[in-house]
Amino acid sequence: MNKRVLLGIAMVTVGVFVLASAYSQEDITHIDHRMFSQPQRPSAIFNHDEHNEKAEIEECNECHHVYEDGQKLEDESSEDQLCMECHELNDMDRRPGLMKAYHLNCKGCHLKAKKGPILCGECHVKE
């Protein structure tokens, strides 16, 4: 009986990941924070299309970057991957951990552009 339950749970889990990856970036309303076992804040609110339109972002690789040998590849994009496919919870060598990667990419861009939210509660809004 226990093997059947575990098999059922495993199948449902795989199904959820398959369905989640099937949805395009345009459907995103919140940053995926499933990898964090005990998040301190709610998931950051992020409407992909609205954000890109307001920020006038036309190229996917502005956010969905690819690095090789420590250099950002300007003509490559990772929009078909989840951030957690490259970024683990903790820093690995020169690759920042997932939370740091989100903050460096998102907040870093907001600081550089001098617009957009930079305080915790501006992105991580309690619903």
N, C-alpha and C. Protein backbone atom coordinates (compact mmCIF):
# COMPACT_ATOMS: atom_id res chain seq x y z
N MET A 1 0.83 -1.20 0.00
CA MET A 1 0.00 0.00 0.00
C MET A 1 0.86 1.26 0.00
N ASN A 2 1.93 1.26 0.81
CA ASN A 2 2.79 2.43 0.88
C ASN A 2 3.48 2.72 -0.44
N LYS A 3 3.86 1.66 -1.16
CA LYS A 3 4.52 1.86 -2.46
C LYS A 3 3.56 2.51 -3.45
N ARG A 4 2.29 2.12 -3.41
CA ARG A 4 1.29 2.70 -4.31
C ARG A 4 1.09 4.18 -4.00
N VAL A 5 1.04 4.51 -2.72
CA VAL A 5 0.86 5.91 -2.32
C VAL A 5 2.06 6.74 -2.77
N LEU A 6 3.27 6.23 -2.52
CA LEU A 6 4.47 6.95 -2.95
C LEU A 6 4.54 7.09 -4.45
N LEU A 7 4.16 6.04 -5.17
CA LEU A 7 4.15 6.10 -6.63
C LEU A 7 3.13 7.14 -7.10
N GLY A 8 1.96 7.16 -6.47
CA GLY A 8 0.93 8.14 -6.82
C GLY A 8 1.40 9.56 -6.57
N ILE A 9 2.04 9.80 -5.44
CA ILE A 9 2.56 11.12 -5.11
C ILE A 9 3.63 11.52 -6.11
N ALA A 10 4.51 10.59 -6.44
CA ALA A 10 5.57 10.88 -7.42
C ALA A 10 4.98 11.23 -8.77
N MET A 11 3.96 10.51 -9.20
CA MET A 11 3.33 10.77 -10.50
C MET A 11 2.66 12.13 -10.51
N VAL A 12 1.98 12.49 -9.43
CA VAL A 12 1.32 13.80 -9.34
C VAL A 12 2.37 14.91 -9.35
N THR A 13 3.46 14.73 -8.61
CA THR A 13 4.52 15.72 -8.57
C THR A 13 5.12 15.95 -9.96
N VAL A 14 5.42 14.87 -10.65
CA VAL A 14 5.96 14.98 -12.01
C VAL A 14 4.95 15.68 -12.92
N GLY A 15 3.68 15.33 -12.79
CA GLY A 15 2.64 15.97 -13.59
C GLY A 15 2.56 17.47 -13.35
N VAL A 16 2.68 17.87 -12.10
CA VAL A 16 2.64 19.30 -11.76
C VAL A 16 3.81 20.03 -12.41
N PHE A 17 5.01 19.45 -12.34
CA PHE A 17 6.17 20.09 -12.95
C PHE A 17 6.04 20.16 -14.47
N VAL A 18 5.50 19.13 -15.08
CA VAL A 18 5.31 19.14 -16.53
C VAL A 18 4.32 20.22 -16.92
N LEU A 19 3.20 20.30 -16.20
CA LEU A 19 2.20 21.32 -16.50
C LEU A 19 2.74 22.72 -16.25
N ALA A 20 3.49 22.88 -15.16
CA ALA A 20 4.03 24.20 -14.83
C ALA A 20 4.99 24.68 -15.92
N SER A 21 5.80 23.78 -16.43
CA SER A 21 6.75 24.19 -17.46
C SER A 21 6.08 24.38 -18.81
N ALA A 22 4.88 23.84 -18.97
CA ALA A 22 4.18 23.98 -20.24
C ALA A 22 3.62 25.39 -20.42
N TYR A 23 3.39 26.08 -19.31
CA TYR A 23 2.86 27.45 -19.41
C TYR A 23 3.98 28.39 -19.82
N SER A 24 3.66 29.34 -20.64
CA SER A 24 4.66 30.28 -21.14
C SER A 24 4.91 31.37 -20.11
N GLN A 25 5.98 32.14 -20.33
CA GLN A 25 6.33 33.25 -19.46
C GLN A 25 5.20 34.26 -19.36
N GLU A 26 4.45 34.41 -20.42
CA GLU A 26 3.39 35.42 -20.46
C GLU A 26 2.31 35.17 -19.41
N ASP A 27 2.18 33.94 -18.93
CA ASP A 27 1.14 33.60 -17.96
C ASP A 27 1.58 33.86 -16.52
N ILE A 28 2.82 34.23 -16.31
CA ILE A 28 3.34 34.39 -14.96
C ILE A 28 2.74 35.62 -14.29
N THR A 29 2.29 35.44 -13.05
CA THR A 29 1.81 36.56 -12.25
C THR A 29 2.62 36.70 -10.97
N HIS A 30 3.33 35.64 -10.57
CA HIS A 30 4.17 35.64 -9.38
C HIS A 30 5.47 34.90 -9.71
N ILE A 31 6.54 35.27 -9.05
CA ILE A 31 7.80 34.55 -9.20
C ILE A 31 7.67 33.21 -8.49
N ASP A 32 8.08 32.16 -9.14
CA ASP A 32 8.00 30.80 -8.59
C ASP A 32 8.97 30.67 -7.41
N HIS A 33 8.44 30.34 -6.25
CA HIS A 33 9.32 30.17 -5.09
C HIS A 33 9.13 28.81 -4.42
N ARG A 34 8.78 27.81 -5.26
CA ARG A 34 8.60 26.45 -4.74
C ARG A 34 9.88 25.86 -4.16
N MET A 35 11.01 26.28 -4.65
CA MET A 35 12.27 25.69 -4.22
C MET A 35 12.61 26.04 -2.77
N PHE A 36 12.03 27.12 -2.26
CA PHE A 36 12.32 27.55 -0.89
C PHE A 36 11.38 26.81 0.06
N SER A 37 11.94 26.04 0.97
CA SER A 37 11.12 25.21 1.85
C SER A 37 10.33 26.05 2.86
N GLN A 38 10.90 27.13 3.36
CA GLN A 38 10.20 27.99 4.32
C GLN A 38 10.44 29.45 3.96
N PRO A 39 9.77 29.93 2.90
CA PRO A 39 9.99 31.32 2.49
C PRO A 39 9.61 32.29 3.60
N GLN A 40 10.43 33.32 3.76
CA GLN A 40 10.17 34.34 4.79
C GLN A 40 9.14 35.35 4.33
N ARG A 41 8.97 35.48 3.03
CA ARG A 41 8.05 36.45 2.46
C ARG A 41 7.20 35.77 1.40
N PRO A 42 6.06 36.36 1.07
CA PRO A 42 5.26 35.79 -0.02
C PRO A 42 6.00 35.91 -1.35
N SER A 43 5.60 35.12 -2.30
CA SER A 43 6.18 35.16 -3.63
C SER A 43 6.07 36.58 -4.21
N ALA A 44 7.11 37.01 -4.91
CA ALA A 44 7.09 38.35 -5.51
C ALA A 44 6.05 38.41 -6.62
N ILE A 45 5.27 39.47 -6.60
CA ILE A 45 4.26 39.68 -7.65
C ILE A 45 4.99 40.11 -8.91
N PHE A 46 4.67 39.46 -10.01
CA PHE A 46 5.36 39.76 -11.26
C PHE A 46 4.49 39.35 -12.44
N ASN A 47 3.90 40.31 -13.10
CA ASN A 47 3.13 40.04 -14.31
C ASN A 47 4.07 40.25 -15.49
N HIS A 48 4.46 39.16 -16.10
CA HIS A 48 5.49 39.16 -17.14
C HIS A 48 5.21 40.17 -18.26
N ASP A 49 4.05 40.07 -18.90
CA ASP A 49 3.73 40.95 -20.03
C ASP A 49 3.65 42.41 -19.61
N GLU A 50 2.96 42.66 -18.51
CA GLU A 50 2.80 44.04 -18.02
C GLU A 50 4.16 44.66 -17.69
N HIS A 51 5.01 43.88 -17.03
CA HIS A 51 6.34 44.36 -16.68
C HIS A 51 7.14 44.73 -17.92
N ASN A 52 7.19 43.82 -18.89
CA ASN A 52 8.01 44.05 -20.08
C ASN A 52 7.49 45.22 -20.91
N GLU A 53 6.18 45.37 -20.95
CA GLU A 53 5.61 46.50 -21.69
C GLU A 53 5.97 47.82 -21.01
N LYS A 54 5.78 47.87 -19.70
CA LYS A 54 6.06 49.09 -18.95
C LYS A 54 7.55 49.43 -18.97
N ALA A 55 8.40 48.40 -18.89
CA ALA A 55 9.85 48.61 -18.87
C ALA A 55 10.43 48.71 -20.28
N GLU A 56 9.57 48.55 -21.28
CA GLU A 56 9.99 48.61 -22.68
C GLU A 56 11.10 47.60 -22.99
N ILE A 57 10.92 46.38 -22.45
CA ILE A 57 11.87 45.29 -22.69
C ILE A 57 11.35 44.49 -23.87
N GLU A 58 12.17 44.40 -24.89
CA GLU A 58 11.77 43.67 -26.10
C GLU A 58 12.55 42.38 -26.29
N GLU A 59 13.75 42.31 -25.76
CA GLU A 59 14.59 41.13 -25.93
C GLU A 59 14.55 40.27 -24.67
N CYS A 60 14.22 39.00 -24.84
CA CYS A 60 14.10 38.09 -23.70
C CYS A 60 15.39 37.98 -22.90
N ASN A 61 16.53 38.02 -23.60
CA ASN A 61 17.80 37.81 -22.89
C ASN A 61 18.21 38.98 -21.99
N GLU A 62 17.41 40.04 -21.97
CA GLU A 62 17.69 41.10 -20.99
C GLU A 62 17.50 40.57 -19.57
N CYS A 63 16.55 39.66 -19.40
CA CYS A 63 16.31 39.04 -18.09
C CYS A 63 16.74 37.57 -18.09
N HIS A 64 16.46 36.89 -19.16
CA HIS A 64 16.74 35.45 -19.29
C HIS A 64 18.12 35.27 -19.91
N HIS A 65 19.12 35.39 -19.07
CA HIS A 65 20.51 35.41 -19.52
C HIS A 65 21.12 34.01 -19.60
N VAL A 66 22.22 33.94 -20.32
CA VAL A 66 23.03 32.72 -20.41
C VAL A 66 24.48 33.17 -20.25
N TYR A 67 25.19 32.49 -19.36
CA TYR A 67 26.60 32.79 -19.15
C TYR A 67 27.44 31.59 -19.57
N GLU A 68 28.61 31.88 -20.10
CA GLU A 68 29.57 30.84 -20.44
C GLU A 68 30.95 31.36 -20.05
N ASP A 69 31.65 30.59 -19.24
CA ASP A 69 32.98 30.99 -18.75
C ASP A 69 32.96 32.37 -18.11
N GLY A 70 31.89 32.66 -17.37
CA GLY A 70 31.77 33.93 -16.66
C GLY A 70 31.37 35.11 -17.50
N GLN A 71 31.13 34.90 -18.79
CA GLN A 71 30.75 35.99 -19.69
C GLN A 71 29.30 35.81 -20.15
N LYS A 72 28.54 36.89 -20.12
CA LYS A 72 27.17 36.85 -20.59
C LYS A 72 27.16 36.76 -22.11
N LEU A 73 26.42 35.79 -22.63
CA LEU A 73 26.30 35.62 -24.07
C LEU A 73 25.15 36.49 -24.55
N GLU A 74 25.44 37.52 -25.30
CA GLU A 74 24.44 38.52 -25.69
C GLU A 74 23.35 37.98 -26.62
N ASP A 75 23.68 36.98 -27.43
CA ASP A 75 22.70 36.47 -28.40
C ASP A 75 22.00 35.20 -27.93
N GLU A 76 22.19 34.82 -26.67
CA GLU A 76 21.58 33.61 -26.13
C GLU A 76 20.53 33.98 -25.10
N SER A 77 19.50 33.14 -24.98
CA SER A 77 18.42 33.38 -24.04
C SER A 77 18.04 32.07 -23.37
N SER A 78 17.59 32.18 -22.13
CA SER A 78 17.18 30.99 -21.36
C SER A 78 15.69 31.03 -21.03
N GLU A 79 14.89 31.69 -21.86
CA GLU A 79 13.47 31.84 -21.52
C GLU A 79 12.71 30.52 -21.52
N ASP A 80 13.27 29.47 -22.08
CA ASP A 80 12.61 28.17 -22.08
C ASP A 80 12.96 27.35 -20.84
N GLN A 81 13.67 27.96 -19.88
CA GLN A 81 14.08 27.27 -18.67
C GLN A 81 13.57 28.00 -17.44
N LEU A 82 13.42 27.27 -16.35
CA LEU A 82 13.11 27.88 -15.07
C LEU A 82 14.41 28.36 -14.44
N CYS A 83 14.37 29.43 -13.69
CA CYS A 83 15.58 29.95 -13.04
C CYS A 83 16.25 28.86 -12.20
N MET A 84 15.43 28.05 -11.53
CA MET A 84 15.97 27.02 -10.65
C MET A 84 16.65 25.88 -11.40
N GLU A 85 16.58 25.86 -12.72
CA GLU A 85 17.30 24.85 -13.48
C GLU A 85 18.80 25.15 -13.51
N CYS A 86 19.16 26.41 -13.38
CA CYS A 86 20.58 26.79 -13.35
C CYS A 86 21.03 27.22 -11.95
N HIS A 87 20.13 27.87 -11.20
CA HIS A 87 20.48 28.40 -9.89
C HIS A 87 19.94 27.49 -8.80
N GLU A 88 20.86 27.01 -7.96
CA GLU A 88 20.46 26.19 -6.81
C GLU A 88 20.17 27.12 -5.64
N LEU A 89 19.77 26.55 -4.50
CA LEU A 89 19.46 27.39 -3.35
C LEU A 89 20.65 28.23 -2.91
N ASN A 90 21.82 27.64 -2.90
CA ASN A 90 23.02 28.34 -2.43
C ASN A 90 23.95 28.63 -3.60
N ASP A 91 24.85 29.60 -3.38
CA ASP A 91 25.85 29.92 -4.40
C ASP A 91 26.64 28.66 -4.75
N MET A 92 26.95 28.51 -6.03
CA MET A 92 27.78 27.41 -6.50
C MET A 92 28.87 28.02 -7.37
N ASP A 93 30.11 27.97 -6.90
CA ASP A 93 31.23 28.59 -7.61
C ASP A 93 30.91 30.06 -7.86
N ARG A 94 30.86 30.47 -9.12
CA ARG A 94 30.58 31.88 -9.45
C ARG A 94 29.10 32.11 -9.73
N ARG A 95 28.27 31.07 -9.63
CA ARG A 95 26.84 31.18 -9.92
C ARG A 95 26.09 31.48 -8.62
N PRO A 96 25.37 32.62 -8.56
CA PRO A 96 24.65 32.96 -7.33
C PRO A 96 23.49 32.00 -7.07
N GLY A 97 23.19 31.81 -5.79
CA GLY A 97 22.03 31.02 -5.41
C GLY A 97 20.76 31.67 -5.93
N LEU A 98 19.66 30.92 -5.90
CA LEU A 98 18.41 31.36 -6.52
C LEU A 98 17.91 32.71 -6.00
N MET A 99 17.84 32.87 -4.69
CA MET A 99 17.33 34.13 -4.14
C MET A 99 18.24 35.29 -4.52
N LYS A 100 19.54 35.08 -4.41
CA LYS A 100 20.48 36.14 -4.78
C LYS A 100 20.37 36.45 -6.27
N ALA A 101 20.16 35.42 -7.09
CA ALA A 101 20.04 35.63 -8.54
C ALA A 101 18.81 36.48 -8.86
N TYR A 102 17.67 36.17 -8.22
CA TYR A 102 16.47 36.98 -8.43
C TYR A 102 16.76 38.44 -8.06
N HIS A 103 17.34 38.64 -6.87
CA HIS A 103 17.56 39.99 -6.40
C HIS A 103 18.59 40.73 -7.26
N LEU A 104 19.66 40.06 -7.65
CA LEU A 104 20.66 40.72 -8.50
C LEU A 104 20.06 41.10 -9.85
N ASN A 105 19.30 40.20 -10.43
CA ASN A 105 18.74 40.44 -11.76
C ASN A 105 17.63 41.49 -11.72
N CYS A 106 16.66 41.29 -10.85
CA CYS A 106 15.49 42.18 -10.80
C CYS A 106 15.81 43.51 -10.12
N LYS A 107 16.20 43.43 -8.88
CA LYS A 107 16.49 44.65 -8.12
C LYS A 107 17.68 45.40 -8.73
N GLY A 108 18.67 44.66 -9.20
CA GLY A 108 19.83 45.28 -9.84
C GLY A 108 19.42 46.10 -11.05
N CYS A 109 18.52 45.57 -11.86
CA CYS A 109 18.04 46.29 -13.04
C CYS A 109 17.24 47.53 -12.61
N HIS A 110 16.41 47.39 -11.59
CA HIS A 110 15.62 48.52 -11.10
C HIS A 110 16.53 49.64 -10.59
N LEU A 111 17.59 49.27 -9.87
CA LEU A 111 18.53 50.27 -9.37
C LEU A 111 19.26 50.95 -10.53
N LYS A 112 19.69 50.16 -11.49
CA LYS A 112 20.41 50.71 -12.65
C LYS A 112 19.53 51.66 -13.45
N ALA A 113 18.27 51.28 -13.65
CA ALA A 113 17.34 52.10 -14.43
C ALA A 113 16.75 53.25 -13.60
N LYS A 114 16.97 53.21 -12.30
CA LYS A 114 16.42 54.20 -11.37
C LYS A 114 14.90 54.27 -11.46
N LYS A 115 14.29 53.07 -11.63
CA LYS A 115 12.83 52.96 -11.59
C LYS A 115 12.47 51.50 -11.30
N GLY A 116 11.31 51.33 -10.72
CA GLY A 116 10.87 50.00 -10.33
C GLY A 116 11.06 49.79 -8.85
N PRO A 117 10.40 48.78 -8.29
CA PRO A 117 10.47 48.54 -6.85
C PRO A 117 11.85 48.02 -6.43
N ILE A 118 12.30 48.49 -5.25
CA ILE A 118 13.56 48.01 -4.72
C ILE A 118 13.44 47.58 -3.25
N LEU A 119 12.35 47.97 -2.60
CA LEU A 119 12.15 47.57 -1.20
C LEU A 119 11.41 46.24 -1.15
N CYS A 120 11.71 45.45 -0.14
CA CYS A 120 11.15 44.09 -0.02
C CYS A 120 9.63 44.06 -0.21
N GLY A 121 8.92 44.89 0.55
CA GLY A 121 7.47 44.88 0.53
C GLY A 121 6.84 45.39 -0.75
N GLU A 122 7.64 45.97 -1.62
CA GLU A 122 7.10 46.45 -2.90
C GLU A 122 6.92 45.30 -3.89
N CYS A 123 7.71 44.25 -3.76
CA CYS A 123 7.57 43.07 -4.63
C CYS A 123 6.87 41.94 -3.90
N HIS A 124 7.25 41.75 -2.64
CA HIS A 124 6.68 40.67 -1.83
C HIS A 124 5.49 41.21 -1.05
N VAL A 125 4.37 41.34 -1.71
CA VAL A 125 3.17 41.94 -1.13
C VAL A 125 2.31 40.86 -0.49
N LYS A 126 1.93 41.08 0.77
CA LYS A 126 1.02 40.16 1.43
C LYS A 126 -0.36 40.33 0.85
N GLU A 127 -0.97 39.20 0.47
CA GLU A 127 -2.29 39.28 -0.15
C GLU A 127 -3.39 39.08 0.86
